[in-house]
Amino acid sequence: EDGRRVSQIVFRQRAGDSRSIKPIFYDDLVVGPECSKLGDGVAAVRLSSGATIWKRSVSQPIEQLLQPKSGYVAITLEGGKVEILDVRTGEVRHHLLG
């Protein structure tokens, strides 16, 4: 409230990837890439506390994150696959192949 930074949320995307994957904001949550040597995925973090609410691994490198409808986040993957998740729980609601 007084302008000081009291916390910081860090999302990680693939090393050497020139694309910038923009996070998705929904109510008190932010969803972003969570990539490591162990694999690629996404994570949802509560803005008010900084707590990780859920994480989900994905099968291919992430191209972008979208919000197709309120309450959902879409993950587009290399190769044309799209996974649509419930933003509150991380549950997969739909799979699409491009």
C-alpha atoms as a PDB file:
ATOM      1  CA  GLU A   1       0.000   0.000   0.000  1.00  0.00           C
ATOM      2  CA  ASP A   2       2.901   2.408   0.559  1.00  0.00           C
ATOM      3  CA  GLY A   3       4.742   1.615  -2.677  1.00  0.00           C
ATOM      4  CA  ARG A   4       7.303  -0.823  -1.252  1.00  0.00           C
ATOM      5  CA  ARG A   5       7.815  -4.162  -2.950  1.00  0.00           C
ATOM      6  CA  VAL A   6       6.838  -6.745  -0.354  1.00  0.00           C
ATOM      7  CA  SER A   7       6.993  -9.845  -2.520  1.00  0.00           C
ATOM      8  CA  GLN A   8       7.981 -11.023  -5.968  1.00  0.00           C
ATOM      9  CA  ILE A   9       6.587 -13.811  -8.142  1.00  0.00           C
ATOM     10  CA  VAL A  10       9.017 -15.397 -10.589  1.00  0.00           C
ATOM     11  CA  PHE A  11       7.916 -17.565 -13.508  1.00  0.00           C
ATOM     12  CA  ARG A  12      10.466 -19.459 -15.572  1.00  0.00           C
ATOM     13  CA  GLN A  13      10.322 -20.158 -19.259  1.00  0.00           C
ATOM     14  CA  ARG A  14      12.653 -22.276 -21.355  1.00  0.00           C
ATOM     15  CA  ALA A  15      16.297 -21.165 -21.348  1.00  0.00           C
ATOM     16  CA  GLY A  16      17.223 -19.549 -24.649  1.00  0.00           C
ATOM     17  CA  ASP A  17      13.591 -19.096 -25.732  1.00  0.00           C
ATOM     18  CA  SER A  18      13.260 -15.706 -27.426  1.00  0.00           C
ATOM     19  CA  ARG A  19       9.460 -15.605 -26.995  1.00  0.00           C
ATOM     20  CA  SER A  20       8.034 -13.922 -23.959  1.00  0.00           C
ATOM     21  CA  ILE A  21       5.183 -15.963 -22.477  1.00  0.00           C
ATOM     22  CA  LYS A  22       2.812 -13.490 -20.842  1.00  0.00           C
ATOM     23  CA  PRO A  23       1.117 -14.518 -17.601  1.00  0.00           C
ATOM     24  CA  ILE A  24      -2.673 -14.698 -17.245  1.00  0.00           C
ATOM     25  CA  PHE A  25      -4.370 -12.786 -14.415  1.00  0.00           C
ATOM     26  CA  TYR A  26      -7.695 -13.921 -12.956  1.00  0.00           C
ATOM     27  CA  ASP A  27      -9.089 -12.470  -9.719  1.00  0.00           C
ATOM     28  CA  ASP A  28      -6.371 -13.078  -7.082  1.00  0.00           C
ATOM     29  CA  LEU A  29      -4.445 -15.585  -9.265  1.00  0.00           C
ATOM     30  CA  VAL A  30      -1.702 -15.275 -11.836  1.00  0.00           C
ATOM     31  CA  VAL A  31      -0.793 -18.222 -14.097  1.00  0.00           C
ATOM     32  CA  GLY A  32       2.580 -18.408 -15.825  1.00  0.00           C
ATOM     33  CA  PRO A  33       5.188 -20.790 -17.247  1.00  0.00           C
ATOM     34  CA  GLU A  34       7.148 -22.966 -14.841  1.00  0.00           C
ATOM     35  CA  CYS A  35       9.916 -24.562 -16.897  1.00  0.00           C
ATOM     36  CA  SER A  36      12.994 -26.330 -15.558  1.00  0.00           C
ATOM     37  CA  LYS A  37      15.492 -29.023 -16.472  1.00  0.00           C
ATOM     38  CA  LEU A  38      12.862 -31.528 -15.300  1.00  0.00           C
ATOM     39  CA  GLY A  39      10.324 -30.359 -17.886  1.00  0.00           C
ATOM     40  CA  ASP A  40       7.842 -27.692 -18.847  1.00  0.00           C
ATOM     41  CA  GLY A  41       4.665 -26.716 -17.074  1.00  0.00           C
ATOM     42  CA  VAL A  42       2.490 -23.943 -15.744  1.00  0.00           C
ATOM     43  CA  ALA A  43       1.752 -22.770 -12.214  1.00  0.00           C
ATOM     44  CA  ALA A  44      -0.919 -20.641 -10.554  1.00  0.00           C
ATOM     45  CA  VAL A  45       0.117 -18.313  -7.740  1.00  0.00           C
ATOM     46  CA  ARG A  46      -2.160 -16.378  -5.373  1.00  0.00           C
ATOM     47  CA  LEU A  47      -1.255 -12.691  -5.633  1.00  0.00           C
ATOM     48  CA  SER A  48      -2.275 -11.828  -2.080  1.00  0.00           C
ATOM     49  CA  SER A  49      -0.048 -14.456  -0.433  1.00  0.00           C
ATOM     50  CA  GLY A  50       2.490 -15.587  -3.055  1.00  0.00           C
ATOM     51  CA  ALA A  51       1.411 -19.201  -2.437  1.00  0.00           C
ATOM     52  CA  THR A  52       1.502 -21.656  -5.327  1.00  0.00           C
ATOM     53  CA  ILE A  53      -2.050 -22.970  -5.747  1.00  0.00           C
ATOM     54  CA  TRP A  54      -1.400 -25.607  -8.407  1.00  0.00           C
ATOM     55  CA  LYS A  55       1.173 -26.793 -10.949  1.00  0.00           C
ATOM     56  CA  ARG A  56       0.658 -28.822 -14.109  1.00  0.00           C
ATOM     57  CA  SER A  57       3.261 -30.461 -16.351  1.00  0.00           C
ATOM     58  CA  VAL A  58       2.841 -30.302 -20.114  1.00  0.00           C
ATOM     59  CA  SER A  59       4.064 -32.681 -22.813  1.00  0.00           C
ATOM     60  CA  GLN A  60       5.559 -30.140 -25.242  1.00  0.00           C
ATOM     61  CA  PRO A  61       7.246 -26.731 -24.981  1.00  0.00           C
ATOM     62  CA  ILE A  62       4.804 -23.890 -24.260  1.00  0.00           C
ATOM     63  CA  GLU A  63       4.197 -21.368 -27.043  1.00  0.00           C
ATOM     64  CA  GLN A  64       1.767 -19.080 -25.220  1.00  0.00           C
ATOM     65  CA  LEU A  65      -0.900 -18.733 -22.567  1.00  0.00           C
ATOM     66  CA  LEU A  66      -4.351 -17.350 -23.378  1.00  0.00           C
ATOM     67  CA  GLN A  67      -7.591 -16.668 -21.534  1.00  0.00           C
ATOM     68  CA  PRO A  68     -10.328 -17.908 -23.925  1.00  0.00           C
ATOM     69  CA  LYS A  69     -13.114 -17.356 -21.385  1.00  0.00           C
ATOM     70  CA  SER A  70     -13.337 -16.096 -17.822  1.00  0.00           C
ATOM     71  CA  GLY A  71     -12.251 -18.834 -15.424  1.00  0.00           C
ATOM     72  CA  TYR A  72     -10.095 -20.715 -17.941  1.00  0.00           C
ATOM     73  CA  VAL A  73      -6.526 -20.614 -19.183  1.00  0.00           C
ATOM     74  CA  ALA A  74      -5.423 -22.115 -22.495  1.00  0.00           C
ATOM     75  CA  ILE A  75      -1.901 -23.435 -22.989  1.00  0.00           C
ATOM     76  CA  THR A  76      -0.778 -23.621 -26.610  1.00  0.00           C
ATOM     77  CA  LEU A  77       2.070 -26.074 -27.135  1.00  0.00           C
ATOM     78  CA  GLU A  78       4.559 -26.626 -29.929  1.00  0.00           C
ATOM     79  CA  GLY A  79       3.016 -28.927 -32.493  1.00  0.00           C
ATOM     80  CA  GLY A  80      -0.437 -27.351 -32.261  1.00  0.00           C
ATOM     81  CA  LYS A  81      -1.855 -29.007 -29.145  1.00  0.00           C
ATOM     82  CA  VAL A  82      -3.976 -26.811 -26.854  1.00  0.00           C
ATOM     83  CA  GLU A  83      -4.956 -27.654 -23.288  1.00  0.00           C
ATOM     84  CA  ILE A  84      -7.726 -25.671 -21.626  1.00  0.00           C
ATOM     85  CA  LEU A  85      -7.561 -25.645 -17.827  1.00  0.00           C
ATOM     86  CA  ASP A  86      -9.817 -24.469 -15.039  1.00  0.00           C
ATOM     87  CA  VAL A  87      -7.824 -21.492 -13.724  1.00  0.00           C
ATOM     88  CA  ARG A  88      -8.860 -22.151 -10.095  1.00  0.00           C
ATOM     89  CA  THR A  89      -7.887 -25.838  -9.947  1.00  0.00           C
ATOM     90  CA  GLY A  90      -5.544 -26.542 -12.872  1.00  0.00           C
ATOM     91  CA  GLU A  91      -7.819 -29.383 -14.028  1.00  0.00           C
ATOM     92  CA  VAL A  92      -7.776 -30.049 -17.780  1.00  0.00           C
ATOM     93  CA  ARG A  93     -11.226 -29.319 -19.207  1.00  0.00           C
ATOM     94  CA  HIS A  94     -10.491 -29.780 -22.933  1.00  0.00           C
ATOM     95  CA  HIS A  95      -7.740 -30.982 -25.284  1.00  0.00           C
ATOM     96  CA  LEU A  96      -7.550 -29.650 -28.835  1.00  0.00           C
ATOM     97  CA  LEU A  97      -5.217 -30.690 -31.640  1.00  0.00           C
ATOM     98  CA  GLY A  98      -4.224 -28.119 -34.253  1.00  0.00           C
END
